Amino acid sequence: MVGSGRSTGTRESARVVVVDDHPFFRDGLIRGLRESGYLEVVGEASTGREGLEVIAGERPDVAVLDYQMPDLTGLDVVHAIVRQQLPTRALILSAVTDSAIVFRALEEGAQGYLSKEARRSEIVDAVRRVSQGETVVPPELAAGLAAQIRLRAASAGPVLSEREQQVLTGFARGLSIPELAAELYLGVSTVKTHAQRLYQKLGVSDRAAAVAEGMRRGLLE
């Protein structure tokens, strides 16, 4: 976990934190961002939890987040950024570029989603665009995203986050909150927070009702 402290220089360049558990990829990306001349890397981290600490401390313009990390997913970090009302835009990088996942990431609060297979120059440009308030998605997924928007609008049902869906599925399997916390490698309080959000979206107040409503709405197989 590395934070550089707030720059005393000009604010013309965008301040960036990079969070990725692959050192080779992270180092290469940081090098590319710094070589751009207009992006200032003010911190880096190898886990989601460390990344949150750096982001909260540095309050960068953009956080570049790996989608899949050992402790927290990129979406978990996005949730925390939104919850803590941090002035940071999030760009998620992932090996998976499925339109449904990209749609969920944007709906949860990310400002961009790009393949980790993209050229370094593309990623650097995406960070610049996100820092300027643009939403960035892979061009080849534009049609799929439009289809997802139409599908969600037609269903008019709640969109569960990845963690909320995991909690709902766990409840359907008969797991308690402590058991879910152990299985998902999360704190009990974190699982309780996801459960409360799940209840809110489904309009219920307990686990049994959540499972029943989830089945009724086709959220459980």
Protein backbone atom coordinates (compact mmCIF):
# COMPACT_ATOMS: atom_id res chain seq x y z
CA MET A 1 0.00 0.00 0.00
CA VAL A 2 1.57 3.26 -1.11
CA GLY A 3 0.31 6.83 -0.86
CA SER A 4 2.38 9.77 -1.92
CA GLY A 5 0.57 12.54 -0.09
CA ARG A 6 -1.26 15.41 -1.76
CA SER A 7 0.70 17.22 -4.43
CA THR A 8 1.60 20.84 -3.80
CA GLY A 9 1.92 21.53 -7.52
CA THR A 10 -0.62 22.37 -10.16
CA ARG A 11 -4.00 20.64 -10.26
CA GLU A 12 -4.06 20.49 -14.07
CA SER A 13 -3.08 16.82 -14.03
CA ALA A 14 -5.52 14.20 -12.78
CA ARG A 15 -4.56 12.36 -9.59
CA VAL A 16 -4.82 8.57 -9.86
CA VAL A 17 -4.67 5.56 -7.53
CA VAL A 18 -4.11 2.09 -9.02
CA VAL A 19 -5.43 -1.01 -7.20
CA ASP A 20 -4.50 -4.38 -8.70
CA ASP A 21 -3.20 -7.60 -7.16
CA HIS A 22 -0.94 -8.44 -10.12
CA PRO A 23 2.39 -6.61 -9.54
CA PHE A 24 3.61 -6.91 -13.15
CA PHE A 25 0.39 -5.49 -14.58
CA ARG A 26 0.14 -2.80 -11.90
CA ASP A 27 3.73 -1.63 -12.36
CA GLY A 28 3.37 -1.49 -16.14
CA LEU A 29 0.16 0.49 -15.93
CA ILE A 30 1.62 2.94 -13.42
CA ARG A 31 4.59 3.45 -15.72
CA GLY A 32 2.27 4.19 -18.64
CA LEU A 33 0.16 6.61 -16.60
CA ARG A 34 3.23 8.51 -15.44
CA GLU A 35 4.68 8.66 -18.94
CA SER A 36 1.46 10.26 -20.20
CA GLY A 37 2.53 13.61 -18.77
CA TYR A 38 -0.97 14.54 -17.56
CA LEU A 39 -1.78 11.75 -15.05
CA GLU A 40 -0.22 11.81 -11.59
CA VAL A 41 -0.14 8.46 -9.77
CA VAL A 42 -0.50 9.34 -6.07
CA GLY A 43 -0.93 5.83 -4.68
CA GLU A 44 -1.14 2.11 -5.37
CA ALA A 45 -2.32 -1.01 -3.59
CA SER A 46 -2.46 -4.76 -4.16
CA THR A 47 -5.75 -5.51 -2.36
CA GLY A 48 -9.17 -3.93 -2.22
CA ARG A 49 -8.96 -3.11 1.48
CA GLU A 50 -5.56 -1.45 1.11
CA GLY A 51 -6.86 0.36 -1.93
CA LEU A 52 -9.76 1.81 0.03
CA GLU A 53 -7.35 3.15 2.64
CA VAL A 54 -5.24 4.83 -0.02
CA ILE A 55 -8.29 6.23 -1.83
CA ALA A 56 -9.79 7.59 1.40
CA GLY A 57 -6.46 9.19 2.31
CA GLU A 58 -5.49 10.58 -1.09
CA ARG A 59 -8.99 11.34 -2.44
CA PRO A 60 -7.79 11.00 -6.06
CA ASP A 61 -9.68 12.05 -9.15
CA VAL A 62 -9.68 8.49 -10.50
CA ALA A 63 -9.28 5.03 -8.96
CA VAL A 64 -8.28 2.29 -11.40
CA LEU A 65 -9.60 -0.96 -9.91
CA ASP A 66 -9.05 -4.60 -10.77
CA TYR A 67 -12.47 -6.27 -10.97
CA GLN A 68 -11.40 -9.48 -9.21
CA MET A 69 -9.13 -9.32 -6.15
CA PRO A 70 -8.60 -11.75 -3.25
CA ASP A 71 -10.42 -9.78 -0.55
CA LEU A 72 -12.77 -7.24 -2.13
CA THR A 73 -13.95 -7.01 -5.72
CA GLY A 74 -13.63 -3.82 -7.70
CA LEU A 75 -17.39 -3.38 -7.26
CA ASP A 76 -17.02 -3.61 -3.47
CA VAL A 77 -14.53 -0.76 -3.64
CA VAL A 78 -16.90 1.24 -5.85
CA HIS A 79 -19.67 0.70 -3.26
CA ALA A 80 -17.40 2.05 -0.53
CA ILE A 81 -16.41 5.08 -2.62
CA VAL A 82 -20.08 5.89 -3.19
CA ARG A 83 -21.05 5.18 0.43
CA GLN A 84 -18.27 7.39 1.80
CA GLN A 85 -19.10 10.10 -0.76
CA LEU A 86 -15.49 10.31 -1.90
CA PRO A 87 -14.76 12.65 -4.84
CA THR A 88 -13.26 9.79 -6.84
CA ARG A 89 -14.39 8.33 -10.17
CA ALA A 90 -13.81 4.61 -10.68
CA LEU A 91 -12.52 2.81 -13.76
CA ILE A 92 -12.76 -0.98 -13.48
CA LEU A 93 -10.39 -3.23 -15.42
CA SER A 94 -11.26 -6.87 -15.95
CA ALA A 95 -10.39 -9.92 -18.01
CA VAL A 96 -14.15 -10.43 -18.39
CA THR A 97 -16.02 -8.11 -20.75
CA ASP A 98 -19.60 -9.33 -20.55
CA SER A 99 -22.24 -6.69 -21.22
CA ALA A 100 -24.31 -7.74 -18.18
CA ILE A 101 -21.30 -7.33 -15.87
CA VAL A 102 -20.36 -3.99 -17.44
CA PHE A 103 -23.95 -2.78 -17.04
CA ARG A 104 -23.94 -3.79 -13.37
CA ALA A 105 -20.62 -2.02 -12.76
CA LEU A 106 -21.91 1.23 -14.27
CA GLU A 107 -25.17 0.95 -12.39
CA GLU A 108 -23.31 0.46 -9.11
CA GLY A 109 -21.41 3.70 -9.63
CA ALA A 110 -18.34 3.01 -11.80
CA GLN A 111 -17.61 5.58 -14.51
CA GLY A 112 -15.78 3.18 -16.78
CA TYR A 113 -15.10 -0.47 -17.52
CA LEU A 114 -12.35 -1.74 -19.80
CA SER A 115 -10.69 -5.03 -20.66
CA LYS A 116 -7.30 -5.71 -19.11
CA GLU A 117 -6.35 -6.97 -22.56
CA ALA A 118 -6.68 -3.45 -23.99
CA ARG A 119 -3.52 -1.71 -25.11
CA ARG A 120 -1.81 0.32 -22.41
CA SER A 121 -2.39 3.49 -24.44
CA GLU A 122 -6.14 2.72 -24.50
CA ILE A 123 -6.22 2.29 -20.73
CA VAL A 124 -4.27 5.50 -20.17
CA ASP A 125 -6.68 7.35 -22.46
CA ALA A 126 -9.65 5.80 -20.62
CA VAL A 127 -8.28 7.10 -17.30
CA ARG A 128 -7.94 10.57 -18.82
CA ARG A 129 -11.50 10.48 -20.15
CA VAL A 130 -12.94 9.25 -16.86
CA SER A 131 -11.07 12.04 -15.03
CA GLN A 132 -12.85 14.51 -17.31
CA GLY A 133 -16.27 13.12 -16.47
CA GLU A 134 -16.80 10.79 -19.43
CA THR A 135 -18.22 7.28 -19.15
CA VAL A 136 -15.96 4.72 -20.83
CA VAL A 137 -17.00 1.25 -22.04
CA PRO A 138 -15.59 -1.08 -24.71
CA PRO A 139 -17.07 -0.01 -28.08
CA GLU A 140 -17.81 -3.63 -28.98
CA LEU A 141 -20.15 -3.90 -25.99
CA ALA A 142 -22.27 -0.85 -26.80
CA ALA A 143 -25.03 -2.91 -28.45
CA GLY A 144 -25.05 -5.40 -25.58
CA LEU A 145 -25.32 -2.58 -23.04
CA ALA A 146 -28.26 -1.10 -24.90
CA ALA A 147 -29.96 -4.52 -24.79
CA GLN A 148 -29.31 -4.75 -21.03
CA ILE A 149 -30.86 -1.32 -20.49
CA ARG A 150 -33.97 -2.33 -22.44
CA LEU A 151 -34.17 -5.64 -20.56
CA ARG A 152 -33.90 -4.02 -17.12
CA ALA A 153 -36.39 -1.32 -18.04
CA ALA A 154 -38.86 -3.95 -19.22
CA SER A 155 -38.51 -6.09 -16.10
CA ALA A 156 -38.64 -3.04 -13.78
CA GLY A 157 -37.25 -5.22 -11.03
CA PRO A 158 -34.47 -4.48 -8.55
CA VAL A 159 -30.90 -4.92 -9.75
CA LEU A 160 -28.92 -6.75 -7.11
CA SER A 161 -25.21 -6.18 -6.70
CA GLU A 162 -22.93 -9.19 -6.96
CA ARG A 163 -22.65 -9.41 -3.16
CA GLU A 164 -26.40 -9.01 -2.65
CA GLN A 165 -27.01 -11.86 -5.08
CA GLN A 166 -24.47 -14.00 -3.20
CA VAL A 167 -26.25 -13.22 0.08
CA LEU A 168 -29.64 -14.09 -1.41
CA THR A 169 -28.29 -17.36 -2.82
CA GLY A 170 -26.72 -18.16 0.53
CA PHE A 171 -29.99 -17.52 2.33
CA ALA A 172 -31.71 -19.87 -0.14
CA ARG A 173 -29.13 -22.53 0.83
CA GLY A 174 -30.02 -22.05 4.47
CA LEU A 175 -26.80 -20.26 5.48
CA SER A 176 -26.75 -17.82 8.37
CA ILE A 177 -25.04 -14.44 8.17
CA PRO A 178 -21.96 -15.67 10.12
CA GLU A 179 -21.73 -18.70 7.82
CA LEU A 180 -21.99 -16.46 4.75
CA ALA A 181 -19.32 -14.16 6.16
CA ALA A 182 -16.95 -17.11 6.53
CA GLU A 183 -17.73 -18.44 3.05
CA LEU A 184 -17.29 -15.05 1.35
CA TYR A 185 -14.26 -14.04 3.45
CA LEU A 186 -16.09 -10.93 4.63
CA GLY A 187 -16.80 -9.47 8.05
CA VAL A 188 -20.15 -10.24 9.65
CA SER A 189 -21.02 -6.52 9.71
CA THR A 190 -20.27 -6.26 5.97
CA VAL A 191 -22.59 -9.18 5.18
CA LYS A 192 -25.28 -7.59 7.38
CA THR A 193 -24.97 -4.39 5.34
CA HIS A 194 -25.40 -6.32 2.07
CA ALA A 195 -28.37 -8.17 3.60
CA GLN A 196 -30.05 -4.90 4.62
CA ARG A 197 -29.62 -3.53 1.10
CA LEU A 198 -31.06 -6.77 -0.27
CA TYR A 199 -34.10 -6.49 2.02
CA GLN A 200 -34.59 -2.88 0.96
CA LYS A 201 -34.52 -3.70 -2.75
CA LEU A 202 -36.91 -6.62 -2.33
CA GLY A 203 -39.22 -4.81 0.09
CA VAL A 204 -38.88 -7.45 2.82
CA SER A 205 -37.57 -7.58 6.38
CA ASP A 206 -36.11 -11.05 6.93
CA ARG A 207 -34.24 -13.92 5.27
CA ALA A 208 -37.23 -16.18 4.62
CA ALA A 209 -39.18 -13.37 2.98
CA ALA A 210 -36.13 -12.43 0.89
CA VAL A 211 -35.84 -15.99 -0.44
CA ALA A 212 -39.57 -16.17 -1.20
CA GLU A 213 -39.53 -12.81 -2.99
CA GLY A 214 -36.32 -13.71 -4.81
CA MET A 215 -37.93 -16.88 -6.13
CA ARG A 216 -41.05 -15.00 -7.16
CA ARG A 217 -39.00 -12.48 -9.13
CA GLY A 218 -36.82 -15.12 -10.77
CA LEU A 219 -33.66 -14.06 -8.95
CA LEU A 220 -32.98 -17.62 -7.79
CA GLU A 221 -32.53 -20.64 -10.02
